[in-house]
Amino acid sequence: MARNYRSEYDNYHSKPEQKKNRASRNAARAAMVKAGKVRKGDGMDVAHRNGNPRDNSPRNLGVQAKSKNRSFPRKRS
């Protein structure tokens, strides 16, 4: 079965809370680029250590390989 991207956007990505989370993630990436810790196309992700995408304090941000940052089980509490 093919993925329905339109439905996914309508039901999840378009919600105000998710838009704010995405904007905050983008801001975190921009801050790390400005600090010189990541570059475009380097294969690295900016990780939020406590799992909260809106907490962009420098203490909470780190750099990880994409494979490591996107592979942990989503069962944290």
PDB file of N, CA and C in Angstrom:
ATOM      1  N   MET A   1       0.843  -1.185   0.000  1.00  0.00           N
ATOM      2  CA  MET A   1       0.000   0.000   0.000  1.00  0.00           C
ATOM      3  C   MET A   1       0.884   1.242   0.000  1.00  0.00           C
ATOM      4  N   ALA A   2       0.575   2.158  -0.861  1.00  0.00           N
ATOM      5  CA  ALA A   2       1.353   3.386  -0.987  1.00  0.00           C
ATOM      6  C   ALA A   2       1.010   4.362   0.140  1.00  0.00           C
ATOM      7  N   ARG A   3       1.964   5.182   0.468  1.00  0.00           N
ATOM      8  CA  ARG A   3       1.784   6.171   1.509  1.00  0.00           C
ATOM      9  C   ARG A   3       0.949   7.337   0.988  1.00  0.00           C
ATOM     10  N   ASN A   4       0.018   7.828   1.779  1.00  0.00           N
ATOM     11  CA  ASN A   4      -0.837   8.941   1.387  1.00  0.00           C
ATOM     12  C   ASN A   4      -0.307  10.206   2.061  1.00  0.00           C
ATOM     13  N   TYR A   5       0.565  10.912   1.351  1.00  0.00           N
ATOM     14  CA  TYR A   5       1.209  12.095   1.915  1.00  0.00           C
ATOM     15  C   TYR A   5       0.220  13.216   2.187  1.00  0.00           C
ATOM     16  N   ARG A   6      -0.791  13.339   1.352  1.00  0.00           N
ATOM     17  CA  ARG A   6      -1.797  14.388   1.543  1.00  0.00           C
ATOM     18  C   ARG A   6      -2.523  14.187   2.866  1.00  0.00           C
ATOM     19  N   SER A   7      -2.931  12.957   3.120  1.00  0.00           N
ATOM     20  CA  SER A   7      -3.634  12.633   4.351  1.00  0.00           C
ATOM     21  C   SER A   7      -2.722  12.827   5.561  1.00  0.00           C
ATOM     22  N   GLU A   8      -1.463  12.435   5.403  1.00  0.00           N
ATOM     23  CA  GLU A   8      -0.483  12.593   6.485  1.00  0.00           C
ATOM     24  C   GLU A   8      -0.330  14.072   6.847  1.00  0.00           C
ATOM     25  N   TYR A   9      -0.251  14.919   5.823  1.00  0.00           N
ATOM     26  CA  TYR A   9      -0.126  16.349   6.082  1.00  0.00           C
ATOM     27  C   TYR A   9      -1.387  16.881   6.761  1.00  0.00           C
ATOM     28  N   ASP A  10      -2.548  16.519   6.228  1.00  0.00           N
ATOM     29  CA  ASP A  10      -3.809  17.028   6.770  1.00  0.00           C
ATOM     30  C   ASP A  10      -4.027  16.602   8.217  1.00  0.00           C
ATOM     31  N   ASN A  11      -3.636  15.377   8.542  1.00  0.00           N
ATOM     32  CA  ASN A  11      -3.920  14.842   9.875  1.00  0.00           C
ATOM     33  C   ASN A  11      -2.824  15.097  10.905  1.00  0.00           C
ATOM     34  N   TYR A  12      -1.619  15.453  10.468  1.00  0.00           N
ATOM     35  CA  TYR A  12      -0.524  15.593  11.434  1.00  0.00           C
ATOM     36  C   TYR A  12       0.315  16.842  11.199  1.00  0.00           C
ATOM     37  N   HIS A  13       0.931  16.945  10.035  1.00  0.00           N
ATOM     38  CA  HIS A  13       1.905  18.008   9.795  1.00  0.00           C
ATOM     39  C   HIS A  13       1.313  19.409   9.745  1.00  0.00           C
ATOM     40  N   SER A  14       0.025  19.526   9.489  1.00  0.00           N
ATOM     41  CA  SER A  14      -0.587  20.849   9.381  1.00  0.00           C
ATOM     42  C   SER A  14      -1.070  21.391  10.717  1.00  0.00           C
ATOM     43  N   LYS A  15      -0.992  20.602  11.764  1.00  0.00           N
ATOM     44  CA  LYS A  15      -1.459  21.044  13.081  1.00  0.00           C
ATOM     45  C   LYS A  15      -0.544  22.142  13.621  1.00  0.00           C
ATOM     46  N   PRO A  16      -1.099  23.150  14.278  1.00  0.00           N
ATOM     47  CA  PRO A  16      -0.291  24.265  14.790  1.00  0.00           C
ATOM     48  C   PRO A  16       0.860  23.814  15.693  1.00  0.00           C
ATOM     49  N   GLU A  17       0.613  22.830  16.530  1.00  0.00           N
ATOM     50  CA  GLU A  17       1.674  22.349  17.426  1.00  0.00           C
ATOM     51  C   GLU A  17       2.835  21.755  16.631  1.00  0.00           C
ATOM     52  N   GLN A  18       2.530  21.003  15.596  1.00  0.00           N
ATOM     53  CA  GLN A  18       3.583  20.380  14.790  1.00  0.00           C
ATOM     54  C   GLN A  18       4.323  21.410  13.949  1.00  0.00           C
ATOM     55  N   LYS A  19       3.620  22.456  13.519  1.00  0.00           N
ATOM     56  CA  LYS A  19       4.284  23.532  12.783  1.00  0.00           C
ATOM     57  C   LYS A  19       5.301  24.236  13.676  1.00  0.00           C
ATOM     58  N   LYS A  20       4.938  24.453  14.949  1.00  0.00           N
ATOM     59  CA  LYS A  20       5.852  25.094  15.890  1.00  0.00           C
ATOM     60  C   LYS A  20       7.048  24.204  16.178  1.00  0.00           C
ATOM     61  N   ASN A  21       6.801  22.899  16.321  1.00  0.00           N
ATOM     62  CA  ASN A  21       7.907  21.965  16.539  1.00  0.00           C
ATOM     63  C   ASN A  21       8.872  21.986  15.354  1.00  0.00           C
ATOM     64  N   ARG A  22       8.334  21.974  14.144  1.00  0.00           N
ATOM     65  CA  ARG A  22       9.170  21.980  12.939  1.00  0.00           C
ATOM     66  C   ARG A  22       9.967  23.276  12.844  1.00  0.00           C
ATOM     67  N   ALA A  23       9.330  24.404  13.139  1.00  0.00           N
ATOM     68  CA  ALA A  23      10.014  25.692  13.095  1.00  0.00           C
ATOM     69  C   ALA A  23      11.154  25.729  14.114  1.00  0.00           C
ATOM     70  N   SER A  24      10.919  25.152  15.273  1.00  0.00           N
ATOM     71  CA  SER A  24      11.939  25.127  16.314  1.00  0.00           C
ATOM     72  C   SER A  24      13.111  24.230  15.910  1.00  0.00           C
ATOM     73  N   ARG A  25      12.819  23.089  15.277  1.00  0.00           N
ATOM     74  CA  ARG A  25      13.890  22.211  14.790  1.00  0.00           C
ATOM     75  C   ARG A  25      14.729  22.928  13.735  1.00  0.00           C
ATOM     76  N   ASN A  26      14.051  23.651  12.839  1.00  0.00           N
ATOM     77  CA  ASN A  26      14.768  24.403  11.805  1.00  0.00           C
ATOM     78  C   ASN A  26      15.633  25.489  12.430  1.00  0.00           C
ATOM     79  N   ALA A  27      15.133  26.148  13.474  1.00  0.00           N
ATOM     80  CA  ALA A  27      15.899  27.188  14.162  1.00  0.00           C
ATOM     81  C   ALA A  27      17.122  26.593  14.847  1.00  0.00           C
ATOM     82  N   ALA A  28      16.977  25.392  15.407  1.00  0.00           N
ATOM     83  CA  ALA A  28      18.102  24.721  16.056  1.00  0.00           C
ATOM     84  C   ALA A  28      19.183  24.413  15.034  1.00  0.00           C
ATOM     85  N   ARG A  29      18.773  23.921  13.877  1.00  0.00           N
ATOM     86  CA  ARG A  29      19.737  23.618  12.810  1.00  0.00           C
ATOM     87  C   ARG A  29      20.454  24.893  12.381  1.00  0.00           C
ATOM     88  N   ALA A  30      19.705  25.985  12.217  1.00  0.00           N
ATOM     89  CA  ALA A  30      20.299  27.256  11.802  1.00  0.00           C
ATOM     90  C   ALA A  30      21.300  27.755  12.834  1.00  0.00           C
ATOM     91  N   ALA A  31      20.991  27.580  14.115  1.00  0.00           N
ATOM     92  CA  ALA A  31      21.910  28.013  15.175  1.00  0.00           C
ATOM     93  C   ALA A  31      23.209  27.208  15.136  1.00  0.00           C
ATOM     94  N   MET A  32      23.098  25.903  14.860  1.00  0.00           N
ATOM     95  CA  MET A  32      24.293  25.066  14.802  1.00  0.00           C
ATOM     96  C   MET A  32      25.128  25.367  13.551  1.00  0.00           C
ATOM     97  N   VAL A  33      24.470  25.726  12.462  1.00  0.00           N
ATOM     98  CA  VAL A  33      25.198  26.132  11.253  1.00  0.00           C
ATOM     99  C   VAL A  33      25.962  27.413  11.540  1.00  0.00           C
ATOM    100  N   LYS A  34      25.299  28.351  12.206  1.00  0.00           N
ATOM    101  CA  LYS A  34      25.933  29.624  12.537  1.00  0.00           C
ATOM    102  C   LYS A  34      27.123  29.422  13.470  1.00  0.00           C
ATOM    103  N   ALA A  35      27.012  28.451  14.375  1.00  0.00           N
ATOM    104  CA  ALA A  35      28.099  28.161  15.304  1.00  0.00           C
ATOM    105  C   ALA A  35      29.217  27.365  14.639  1.00  0.00           C
ATOM    106  N   GLY A  36      28.990  26.899  13.411  1.00  0.00           N
ATOM    107  CA  GLY A  36      30.016  26.166  12.682  1.00  0.00           C
ATOM    108  C   GLY A  36      30.107  24.692  13.036  1.00  0.00           C
ATOM    109  N   LYS A  37      29.091  24.155  13.688  1.00  0.00           N
ATOM    110  CA  LYS A  37      29.136  22.749  14.108  1.00  0.00           C
ATOM    111  C   LYS A  37      28.604  21.798  13.052  1.00  0.00           C
ATOM    112  N   VAL A  38      27.767  22.272  12.150  1.00  0.00           N
ATOM    113  CA  VAL A  38      27.252  21.450  11.060  1.00  0.00           C
ATOM    114  C   VAL A  38      27.291  22.263   9.771  1.00  0.00           C
ATOM    115  N   ARG A  39      27.264  21.551   8.652  1.00  0.00           N
ATOM    116  CA  ARG A  39      27.222  22.194   7.346  1.00  0.00           C
ATOM    117  C   ARG A  39      26.181  21.501   6.484  1.00  0.00           C
ATOM    118  N   LYS A  40      25.738  22.161   5.474  1.00  0.00           N
ATOM    119  CA  LYS A  40      24.786  21.574   4.544  1.00  0.00           C
ATOM    120  C   LYS A  40      25.430  20.362   3.870  1.00  0.00           C
ATOM    121  N   GLY A  41      24.698  19.255   3.865  1.00  0.00           N
ATOM    122  CA  GLY A  41      25.167  18.067   3.187  1.00  0.00           C
ATOM    123  C   GLY A  41      26.199  17.248   3.934  1.00  0.00           C
ATOM    124  N   ASP A  42      26.405  17.511   5.227  1.00  0.00           N
ATOM    125  CA  ASP A  42      27.446  16.790   5.978  1.00  0.00           C
ATOM    126  C   ASP A  42      26.954  15.474   6.576  1.00  0.00           C
ATOM    127  N   GLY A  43      25.657  15.161   6.429  1.00  0.00           N
ATOM    128  CA  GLY A  43      25.127  13.900   6.939  1.00  0.00           C
ATOM    129  C   GLY A  43      24.899  13.885   8.436  1.00  0.00           C
ATOM    130  N   MET A  44      24.914  15.042   9.061  1.00  0.00           N
ATOM    131  CA  MET A  44      24.732  15.132  10.505  1.00  0.00           C
ATOM    132  C   MET A  44      23.373  15.751  10.829  1.00  0.00           C
ATOM    133  N   ASP A  45      22.831  15.349  11.971  1.00  0.00           N
ATOM    134  CA  ASP A  45      21.579  15.897  12.479  1.00  0.00           C
ATOM    135  C   ASP A  45      21.860  16.684  13.749  1.00  0.00           C
ATOM    136  N   VAL A  46      21.023  17.672  14.009  1.00  0.00           N
ATOM    137  CA  VAL A  46      21.064  18.370  15.290  1.00  0.00           C
ATOM    138  C   VAL A  46      20.084  17.642  16.202  1.00  0.00           C
ATOM    139  N   ALA A  47      20.579  17.106  17.302  1.00  0.00           N
ATOM    140  CA  ALA A  47      19.773  16.299  18.212  1.00  0.00           C
ATOM    141  C   ALA A  47      19.389  17.108  19.439  1.00  0.00           C
ATOM    142  N   HIS A  48      18.148  16.950  19.868  1.00  0.00           N
ATOM    143  CA  HIS A  48      17.688  17.540  21.118  1.00  0.00           C
ATOM    144  C   HIS A  48      17.850  16.464  22.185  1.00  0.00           C
ATOM    145  N   ARG A  49      18.744  16.672  23.114  1.00  0.00           N
ATOM    146  CA  ARG A  49      19.100  15.636  24.080  1.00  0.00           C
ATOM    147  C   ARG A  49      17.926  15.200  24.955  1.00  0.00           C
ATOM    148  N   ASN A  50      17.056  16.140  25.332  1.00  0.00           N
ATOM    149  CA  ASN A  50      15.929  15.770  26.191  1.00  0.00           C
ATOM    150  C   ASN A  50      14.687  15.386  25.385  1.00  0.00           C
ATOM    151  N   GLY A  51      14.780  15.384  24.068  1.00  0.00           N
ATOM    152  CA  GLY A  51      13.665  14.976  23.228  1.00  0.00           C
ATOM    153  C   GLY A  51      12.629  16.047  22.976  1.00  0.00           C
ATOM    154  N   ASN A  52      12.801  17.234  23.554  1.00  0.00           N
ATOM    155  CA  ASN A  52      11.838  18.318  23.378  1.00  0.00           C
ATOM    156  C   ASN A  52      12.309  19.209  22.224  1.00  0.00           C
ATOM    157  N   PRO A  53      11.621  19.202  21.072  1.00  0.00           N
ATOM    158  CA  PRO A  53      12.082  19.979  19.932  1.00  0.00           C
ATOM    159  C   PRO A  53      12.013  21.488  20.133  1.00  0.00           C
ATOM    160  N   ARG A  54      11.295  21.939  21.147  1.00  0.00           N
ATOM    161  CA  ARG A  54      11.193  23.389  21.372  1.00  0.00           C
ATOM    162  C   ARG A  54      12.240  23.915  22.339  1.00  0.00           C
ATOM    163  N   ASP A  55      13.023  23.031  22.938  1.00  0.00           N
ATOM    164  CA  ASP A  55      14.072  23.440  23.870  1.00  0.00           C
ATOM    165  C   ASP A  55      15.383  23.580  23.104  1.00  0.00           C
ATOM    166  N   ASN A  56      15.664  24.790  22.635  1.00  0.00           N
ATOM    167  CA  ASN A  56      16.861  25.031  21.836  1.00  0.00           C
ATOM    168  C   ASN A  56      17.994  25.642  22.642  1.00  0.00           C
ATOM    169  N   SER A  57      18.023  25.377  23.935  1.00  0.00           N
ATOM    170  CA  SER A  57      19.138  25.880  24.729  1.00  0.00           C
ATOM    171  C   SER A  57      20.413  25.165  24.278  1.00  0.00           C
ATOM    172  N   PRO A  58      21.545  25.852  24.265  1.00  0.00           N
ATOM    173  CA  PRO A  58      22.791  25.239  23.792  1.00  0.00           C
ATOM    174  C   PRO A  58      23.142  23.942  24.524  1.00  0.00           C
ATOM    175  N   ARG A  59      22.773  23.853  25.784  1.00  0.00           N
ATOM    176  CA  ARG A  59      23.050  22.657  26.574  1.00  0.00           C
ATOM    177  C   ARG A  59      22.266  21.445  26.070  1.00  0.00           C
ATOM    178  N   ASN A  60      21.121  21.702  25.452  1.00  0.00           N
ATOM    179  CA  ASN A  60      20.249  20.625  25.001  1.00  0.00           C
ATOM    180  C   ASN A  60      20.535  20.178  23.568  1.00  0.00           C
ATOM    181  N   LEU A  61      21.318  20.936  22.832  1.00  0.00           N
ATOM    182  CA  LEU A  61      21.576  20.609  21.428  1.00  0.00           C
ATOM    183  C   LEU A  61      22.894  19.875  21.273  1.00  0.00           C
ATOM    184  N   GLY A  62      22.898  18.911  20.382  1.00  0.00           N
ATOM    185  CA  GLY A  62      24.114  18.174  20.069  1.00  0.00           C
ATOM    186  C   GLY A  62      24.102  17.779  18.609  1.00  0.00           C
ATOM    187  N   VAL A  63      25.234  17.287  18.131  1.00  0.00           N
ATOM    188  CA  VAL A  63      25.347  16.862  16.743  1.00  0.00           C
ATOM    189  C   VAL A  63      25.557  15.358  16.719  1.00  0.00           C
ATOM    190  N   GLN A  64      24.752  14.675  15.897  1.00  0.00           N
ATOM    191  CA  GLN A  64      24.869  13.224  15.756  1.00  0.00           C
ATOM    192  C   GLN A  64      24.742  12.863  14.277  1.00  0.00           C
ATOM    193  N   ALA A  65      25.275  11.710  13.932  1.00  0.00           N
ATOM    194  CA  ALA A  65      25.070  11.193  12.584  1.00  0.00           C
ATOM    195  C   ALA A  65      23.578  10.922  12.403  1.00  0.00           C
ATOM    196  N   LYS A  66      23.088  11.114  11.186  1.00  0.00           N
ATOM    197  CA  LYS A  66      21.667  10.890  10.924  1.00  0.00           C
ATOM    198  C   LYS A  66      21.237   9.494  11.334  1.00  0.00           C
ATOM    199  N   SER A  67      22.064   8.502  11.028  1.00  0.00           N
ATOM    200  CA  SER A  67      21.695   7.117  11.329  1.00  0.00           C
ATOM    201  C   SER A  67      21.514   6.897  12.826  1.00  0.00           C
ATOM    202  N   LYS A  68      22.328   7.565  13.638  1.00  0.00           N
ATOM    203  CA  LYS A  68      22.221   7.409  15.092  1.00  0.00           C
ATOM    204  C   LYS A  68      21.027   8.192  15.645  1.00  0.00           C
ATOM    205  N   ASN A  69      20.840   9.413  15.177  1.00  0.00           N
ATOM    206  CA  ASN A  69      19.779  10.264  15.699  1.00  0.00           C
ATOM    207  C   ASN A  69      18.390   9.741  15.356  1.00  0.00           C
ATOM    208  N   ARG A  70      18.248   9.083  14.246  1.00  0.00           N
ATOM    209  CA  ARG A  70      16.918   8.652  13.795  1.00  0.00           C
ATOM    210  C   ARG A  70      16.632   7.188  14.100  1.00  0.00           C
ATOM    211  N   SER A  71      17.483   6.523  14.864  1.00  0.00           N
ATOM    212  CA  SER A  71      17.312   5.081  15.056  1.00  0.00           C
ATOM    213  C   SER A  71      16.858   4.654  16.443  1.00  0.00           C
ATOM    214  N   PHE A  72      16.824   5.555  17.421  1.00  0.00           N
ATOM    215  CA  PHE A  72      16.453   5.132  18.761  1.00  0.00           C
ATOM    216  C   PHE A  72      14.964   4.798  18.833  1.00  0.00           C
ATOM    217  N   PRO A  73      14.577   3.848  19.685  1.00  0.00           N
ATOM    218  CA  PRO A  73      13.154   3.510  19.805  1.00  0.00           C
ATOM    219  C   PRO A  73      12.364   4.670  20.398  1.00  0.00           C
ATOM    220  N   ARG A  74      11.206   4.960  19.859  1.00  0.00           N
ATOM    221  CA  ARG A  74      10.391   6.095  20.307  1.00  0.00           C
ATOM    222  C   ARG A  74       9.542   5.708  21.512  1.00  0.00           C
ATOM    223  N   LYS A  75      10.177   5.190  22.559  1.00  0.00           N
ATOM    224  CA  LYS A  75       9.439   4.765  23.751  1.00  0.00           C
ATOM    225  C   LYS A  75       9.861   5.525  24.996  1.00  0.00           C
ATOM    226  N   ARG A  76      10.553   6.636  24.807  1.00  0.00           N
ATOM    227  CA  ARG A  76      10.980   7.417  25.961  1.00  0.00           C
ATOM    228  C   ARG A  76       9.795   8.040  26.654  1.00  0.00           C
ATOM    229  N   SER A  77       9.894   8.229  27.962  1.00  0.00           N
ATOM    230  CA  SER A  77       8.808   8.889  28.686  1.00  0.00           C
ATOM    231  C   SER A  77       9.273  10.223  29.200  1.00  0.00           C
TER     232      SER A  77
END
